[in-house]
């Protein structure tokens, strides 16, 4: 059976307010007046997220990229690549008509044949999909050219260096820890810390001690590592809040975007096409690492 899976890759963000419609996709922003017919190009978007004036949020996956958007009679009209029949969505975010291939349109049939090898007979199956998605926008975490943080604590392995609860009592500042960026083939002192320029893209980090080794992915490239308040701080590009890891390699805090930080929100919007509405969903991934031992 022919099928094109609907997705939410770089979704088009539409916010309804009074008699205007605010549209954002990546770094492009538009404001459209509902009473005026106007069409804007939205190449690269896939998926639709609508915030209504009443405060509700609705997400719809699209099978193909969105080409353009216009407003007609207080309805949002969204054109999908290769489809003659566009989306029609009302001001409350409800779908009146879903984008579909038209079996009578020569252009639709030719597009499906050229792009996917499908025929006219496949169109009913391609049009039969559920567009609504209970969708949480996330940023993929990665481990690419990870940074190695080596504590060099082999000499502090006997019981005299641990309290009754088994926590490491030696200050991290007393260790001869090192930071190794494999992509740069450079070694830094943990005491001194390290800064990575924008051209250096290290995603993820490994921490090695005499007792355990842990690996953590990051959503953004690492911008710096420092020793502060007897905690290892790992900073990610675009995030106000860094990772905080103690001498037992327990994650006290994971790197997060801060909703009230203009810089964080600006970075989210420019880099990922997201807004402050997405911060909670994006930050959720790190909860699994808190107090990981």
Protein backbone atom coordinates (compact mmCIF):
# COMPACT_ATOMS: atom_id res chain seq x y z
CA UNK A 1 0.00 0.00 0.00
CA UNK A 2 1.35 3.43 -0.96
CA UNK A 3 2.07 5.70 1.97
CA UNK A 4 3.89 8.96 2.70
CA UNK A 5 4.36 9.45 6.43
CA UNK A 6 3.32 12.87 7.80
CA UNK A 7 6.07 14.60 9.79
CA UNK A 8 6.77 17.70 11.90
CA UNK A 9 10.21 18.69 10.63
CA UNK A 10 10.77 22.45 11.08
CA UNK A 11 7.02 23.13 11.39
CA UNK A 12 5.33 26.30 10.28
CA UNK A 13 4.32 28.29 13.38
CA UNK A 14 1.04 30.19 13.12
CA UNK A 15 -0.26 32.38 15.94
CA UNK A 16 -3.76 33.84 15.69
CA UNK A 17 -4.44 37.15 17.40
CA UNK A 18 -7.51 39.32 16.96
CA UNK A 19 -7.62 40.20 13.25
CA UNK A 20 -4.03 39.32 12.44
CA UNK A 21 -2.09 36.13 11.84
CA UNK A 22 1.57 35.85 12.87
CA UNK A 23 3.58 33.31 10.88
CA UNK A 24 7.12 32.15 11.58
CA UNK A 25 9.31 29.55 9.90
CA UNK A 26 12.96 29.42 10.86
CA UNK A 27 14.31 32.98 10.81
CA UNK A 28 11.47 34.24 8.56
CA UNK A 29 8.54 36.06 10.17
CA UNK A 30 5.36 37.46 8.67
CA UNK A 31 2.28 39.28 9.97
CA UNK A 32 -0.87 38.90 7.88
CA UNK A 33 -4.18 40.74 8.24
CA UNK A 34 -7.13 38.37 8.11
CA UNK A 35 -9.27 40.68 6.01
CA UNK A 36 -6.66 40.99 3.26
CA UNK A 37 -5.66 38.31 0.78
CA UNK A 38 -1.92 37.84 0.86
CA UNK A 39 0.33 34.92 -0.03
CA UNK A 40 3.79 34.26 1.43
CA UNK A 41 6.41 31.66 0.57
CA UNK A 42 7.38 29.15 3.27
CA UNK A 43 9.87 26.81 1.62
CA UNK A 44 11.48 24.28 3.95
CA UNK A 45 8.66 23.90 6.46
CA UNK A 46 7.07 20.53 7.10
CA UNK A 47 4.24 20.32 9.62
CA UNK A 48 1.92 22.95 11.06
CA UNK A 49 1.64 24.25 14.62
CA UNK A 50 -1.21 26.65 15.36
CA UNK A 51 -1.65 28.75 18.52
CA UNK A 52 -5.17 30.15 18.68
CA UNK A 53 -6.29 33.38 20.31
CA UNK A 54 -8.08 31.34 22.99
CA UNK A 55 -4.75 29.75 23.98
CA UNK A 56 -5.11 26.27 22.49
CA UNK A 57 -2.40 24.58 20.45
CA UNK A 58 -2.92 22.20 17.54
CA UNK A 59 -0.31 20.34 15.52
CA UNK A 60 -0.74 18.76 12.10
CA UNK A 61 1.85 16.72 10.25
CA UNK A 62 2.32 17.26 6.53
CA UNK A 63 3.43 14.61 4.08
CA UNK A 64 5.48 17.05 2.04
CA UNK A 65 7.06 20.47 2.37
CA UNK A 66 4.92 23.59 2.63
CA UNK A 67 5.26 25.93 -0.34
CA UNK A 68 3.12 28.90 0.66
CA UNK A 69 0.39 30.27 2.93
CA UNK A 70 -2.44 32.71 2.30
CA UNK A 71 -5.57 33.96 4.07
CA UNK A 72 -9.02 33.84 2.51
CA UNK A 73 -12.31 34.60 4.23
CA UNK A 74 -10.78 34.29 7.70
CA UNK A 75 -9.32 30.88 6.81
CA UNK A 76 -5.68 29.88 6.62
CA UNK A 77 -4.88 28.27 3.27
CA UNK A 78 -1.69 26.21 3.22
CA UNK A 79 -0.25 24.78 0.02
CA UNK A 80 1.74 21.57 0.17
CA UNK A 81 4.25 20.54 -2.49
CA UNK A 82 2.74 18.44 -5.27
CA UNK A 83 -0.87 18.74 -4.03
CA UNK A 84 -3.56 20.66 -5.90
CA UNK A 85 -5.93 20.63 -2.93
CA UNK A 86 -4.58 22.81 -0.07
CA UNK A 87 -5.23 22.84 3.66
CA UNK A 88 -8.06 25.01 4.93
CA UNK A 89 -7.90 25.79 8.65
CA UNK A 90 -10.18 28.10 10.62
CA UNK A 91 -9.22 30.69 13.25
CA UNK A 92 -9.63 28.13 16.04
CA UNK A 93 -7.12 25.80 14.43
CA UNK A 94 -9.63 23.22 13.21
CA UNK A 95 -9.09 21.58 9.82
CA UNK A 96 -11.91 22.24 7.38
CA UNK A 97 -10.10 20.63 4.48
CA UNK A 98 -6.87 18.62 4.58
CA UNK A 99 -4.29 18.90 1.77
CA UNK A 100 -4.76 16.08 -0.73
CA UNK A 101 -3.57 14.85 -4.08
CA UNK A 102 -6.18 15.25 -6.82
CA UNK A 103 -6.44 12.18 -9.05
CA UNK A 104 -7.96 14.36 -11.79
CA UNK A 105 -5.05 16.81 -11.78
CA UNK A 106 -2.31 15.92 -14.28
CA UNK A 107 0.27 17.86 -12.26
CA UNK A 108 -0.42 15.80 -9.10
CA UNK A 109 -0.18 12.51 -10.97
CA UNK A 110 3.04 13.57 -12.72
CA UNK A 111 4.57 14.72 -9.41
CA UNK A 112 3.86 11.40 -7.68
CA UNK A 113 5.27 9.43 -10.59
CA UNK A 114 8.45 11.51 -10.84
CA UNK A 115 9.13 11.78 -7.08
CA UNK A 116 7.91 8.45 -5.70
CA UNK A 117 7.05 6.17 -8.60
CA UNK A 118 3.38 6.12 -7.57
CA UNK A 119 0.46 6.07 -10.00
CA UNK A 120 -3.02 7.54 -10.09
CA UNK A 121 -4.35 4.38 -8.41
CA UNK A 122 -2.20 5.07 -5.32
CA UNK A 123 -3.77 8.46 -4.60
CA UNK A 124 -6.70 7.23 -2.41
CA UNK A 125 -4.23 5.43 -0.13
CA UNK A 126 -1.85 8.41 -0.02
CA UNK A 127 -4.70 10.72 0.98
CA UNK A 128 -5.85 8.39 3.78
CA UNK A 129 -3.75 9.46 6.79
CA UNK A 130 -4.28 11.04 10.20
CA UNK A 131 -2.82 14.58 10.20
CA UNK A 132 -3.36 15.50 13.84
CA UNK A 133 -0.37 14.91 16.09
CA UNK A 134 -0.04 15.11 19.85
CA UNK A 135 3.32 16.59 19.17
CA UNK A 136 6.17 17.70 21.37
CA UNK A 137 8.94 19.52 19.60
CA UNK A 138 12.36 18.23 20.52
CA UNK A 139 15.95 18.90 19.57
CA UNK A 140 17.90 15.75 18.86
CA UNK A 141 20.72 15.09 21.30
CA UNK A 142 24.00 13.94 19.78
CA UNK A 143 27.44 12.58 20.53
CA UNK A 144 29.76 13.85 17.79
CA UNK A 145 33.42 14.63 18.52
CA UNK A 146 32.69 14.43 22.26
CA UNK A 147 34.83 16.11 24.88
CA UNK A 148 36.60 13.85 27.38
CA UNK A 149 36.82 15.01 31.01
CA UNK A 150 39.36 12.85 32.82
CA UNK A 151 39.43 13.36 36.59
CA UNK A 152 42.77 11.61 37.26
CA UNK A 153 41.56 10.52 40.71
CA UNK A 154 43.15 7.04 40.86
CA UNK A 155 45.09 7.88 44.03
CA UNK A 156 41.86 8.69 45.90
CA UNK A 157 40.17 5.29 45.68
CA UNK A 158 40.41 3.94 49.23
CA UNK A 159 37.64 4.34 51.83
CA UNK A 160 39.37 7.22 53.61
CA UNK A 161 38.30 9.59 50.87
CA UNK A 162 34.57 8.87 51.19
CA UNK A 163 32.03 9.89 53.85
CA UNK A 164 29.54 7.58 55.60
CA UNK A 165 27.13 7.85 52.66
CA UNK A 166 29.88 6.93 50.23
CA UNK A 167 30.25 10.40 48.72
CA UNK A 168 33.62 11.51 47.43
CA UNK A 169 35.07 14.07 49.89
CA UNK A 170 38.09 15.29 47.93
CA UNK A 171 37.53 18.73 46.32
CA UNK A 172 37.55 18.58 42.54
CA UNK A 173 39.99 21.50 42.54
CA UNK A 174 42.61 19.25 44.17
CA UNK A 175 42.47 16.74 41.31
CA UNK A 176 44.73 17.02 38.31
CA UNK A 177 41.78 16.72 35.99
CA UNK A 178 42.12 17.25 32.27
CA UNK A 179 39.84 18.20 29.41
CA UNK A 180 40.60 16.58 26.10
CA UNK A 181 39.00 17.79 22.88
CA UNK A 182 39.74 15.02 20.41
CA UNK A 183 38.79 17.11 17.40
CA UNK A 184 41.47 19.65 18.39
CA UNK A 185 43.98 17.19 19.80
CA UNK A 186 44.43 19.65 22.66
CA UNK A 187 44.50 18.98 26.40
CA UNK A 188 43.37 21.53 28.99
CA UNK A 189 43.56 21.63 32.77
CA UNK A 190 40.21 21.16 34.50
CA UNK A 191 41.18 23.91 36.97
CA UNK A 192 41.75 26.41 34.18
CA UNK A 193 38.77 25.31 32.13
CA UNK A 194 38.35 25.52 28.38
CA UNK A 195 36.51 27.63 25.83
CA UNK A 196 35.56 26.40 22.37
CA UNK A 197 35.10 28.78 19.47
CA UNK A 198 32.06 28.69 17.16
CA UNK A 199 34.01 26.74 14.53
CA UNK A 200 34.60 23.87 16.99
CA UNK A 201 31.57 21.60 17.13
CA UNK A 202 31.81 19.09 19.96
CA UNK A 203 28.52 17.42 20.87
CA UNK A 204 28.39 15.27 23.99
CA UNK A 205 30.94 14.59 26.69
CA UNK A 206 32.42 11.67 28.60
CA UNK A 207 33.55 11.86 32.22
CA UNK A 208 36.05 9.27 33.41
CA UNK A 209 36.96 8.61 37.04
CA UNK A 210 38.60 5.68 38.81
CA UNK A 211 35.18 4.44 39.90
CA UNK A 212 32.96 4.95 36.87
CA UNK A 213 32.69 6.33 33.36
CA UNK A 214 29.60 8.14 32.11
CA UNK A 215 28.64 9.49 28.71
CA UNK A 216 26.15 12.30 28.02
CA UNK A 217 24.80 13.59 24.69
CA UNK A 218 24.10 17.29 24.16
CA UNK A 219 21.53 19.10 22.06
CA UNK A 220 23.89 21.92 21.16
CA UNK A 221 27.64 22.19 20.68
CA UNK A 222 29.73 22.60 23.83
CA UNK A 223 30.96 26.18 24.24
CA UNK A 224 33.01 25.79 27.41
CA UNK A 225 33.89 23.78 30.51
CA UNK A 226 34.74 25.21 33.92
CA UNK A 227 35.20 24.21 37.55
CA UNK A 228 32.88 26.32 39.71
CA UNK A 229 31.73 25.79 43.33
CA UNK A 230 33.32 22.32 43.29
CA UNK A 231 31.11 21.35 40.35
CA UNK A 232 32.04 20.62 36.77
CA UNK A 233 30.11 23.04 34.57
CA UNK A 234 29.58 22.19 30.91
CA UNK A 235 28.11 25.01 28.82
CA UNK A 236 26.19 24.48 25.59
CA UNK A 237 25.84 27.10 22.87
CA UNK A 238 22.58 29.01 23.23
CA UNK A 239 21.74 27.79 26.76
CA UNK A 240 21.82 29.99 29.83
CA UNK A 241 21.86 27.07 32.29
CA UNK A 242 24.88 24.69 32.08
CA UNK A 243 25.37 21.12 33.17
CA UNK A 244 26.48 20.82 36.83
CA UNK A 245 28.15 17.54 37.82
CA UNK A 246 29.71 16.75 41.18
CA UNK A 247 32.68 14.60 42.22
CA UNK A 248 30.48 11.49 42.42
CA UNK A 249 29.55 12.10 38.76
CA UNK A 250 25.98 12.87 39.80
CA UNK A 251 24.15 15.34 37.57
CA UNK A 252 22.91 18.15 39.79
CA UNK A 253 21.59 20.12 36.80
CA UNK A 254 21.50 19.57 33.05
CA UNK A 255 21.93 22.23 30.38
CA UNK A 256 18.67 24.01 29.61
CA UNK A 257 17.22 26.88 27.65
CA UNK A 258 15.86 29.56 29.97
CA UNK A 259 12.39 30.73 29.01
CA UNK A 260 12.91 34.29 30.30
CA UNK A 261 16.29 34.72 28.57
CA UNK A 262 15.98 36.77 25.39
CA UNK A 263 19.26 35.35 24.10
CA UNK A 264 18.12 31.76 24.64
CA UNK A 265 14.81 32.34 22.89
CA UNK A 266 16.49 34.23 20.03
CA UNK A 267 18.90 31.32 19.54
CA UNK A 268 16.05 28.78 19.62
CA UNK A 269 14.18 30.73 16.99
CA UNK A 270 17.14 31.38 14.71
CA UNK A 271 18.67 27.89 14.94
CA UNK A 272 15.62 25.65 15.27
CA UNK A 273 12.59 27.76 14.37
CA UNK A 274 11.18 27.42 17.91
CA UNK A 275 9.69 29.88 20.40
CA UNK A 276 9.35 30.16 24.18
CA UNK A 277 6.29 27.91 23.85
CA UNK A 278 8.62 25.02 23.02
CA UNK A 279 11.11 25.46 25.85
CA UNK A 280 9.51 22.95 28.23
CA UNK A 281 9.32 20.25 25.54
CA UNK A 282 12.90 20.88 24.40
CA UNK A 283 14.30 20.83 27.96
CA UNK A 284 12.45 17.66 28.95
CA UNK A 285 15.08 15.35 27.47
CA UNK A 286 17.59 16.11 30.26
CA UNK A 287 15.40 14.91 33.12
CA UNK A 288 16.62 11.34 32.58
CA UNK A 289 20.18 12.38 33.47
CA UNK A 290 19.50 14.17 36.74
CA UNK A 291 21.10 12.29 39.65
CA UNK A 292 22.25 9.60 37.25
CA UNK A 293 24.92 7.52 39.01
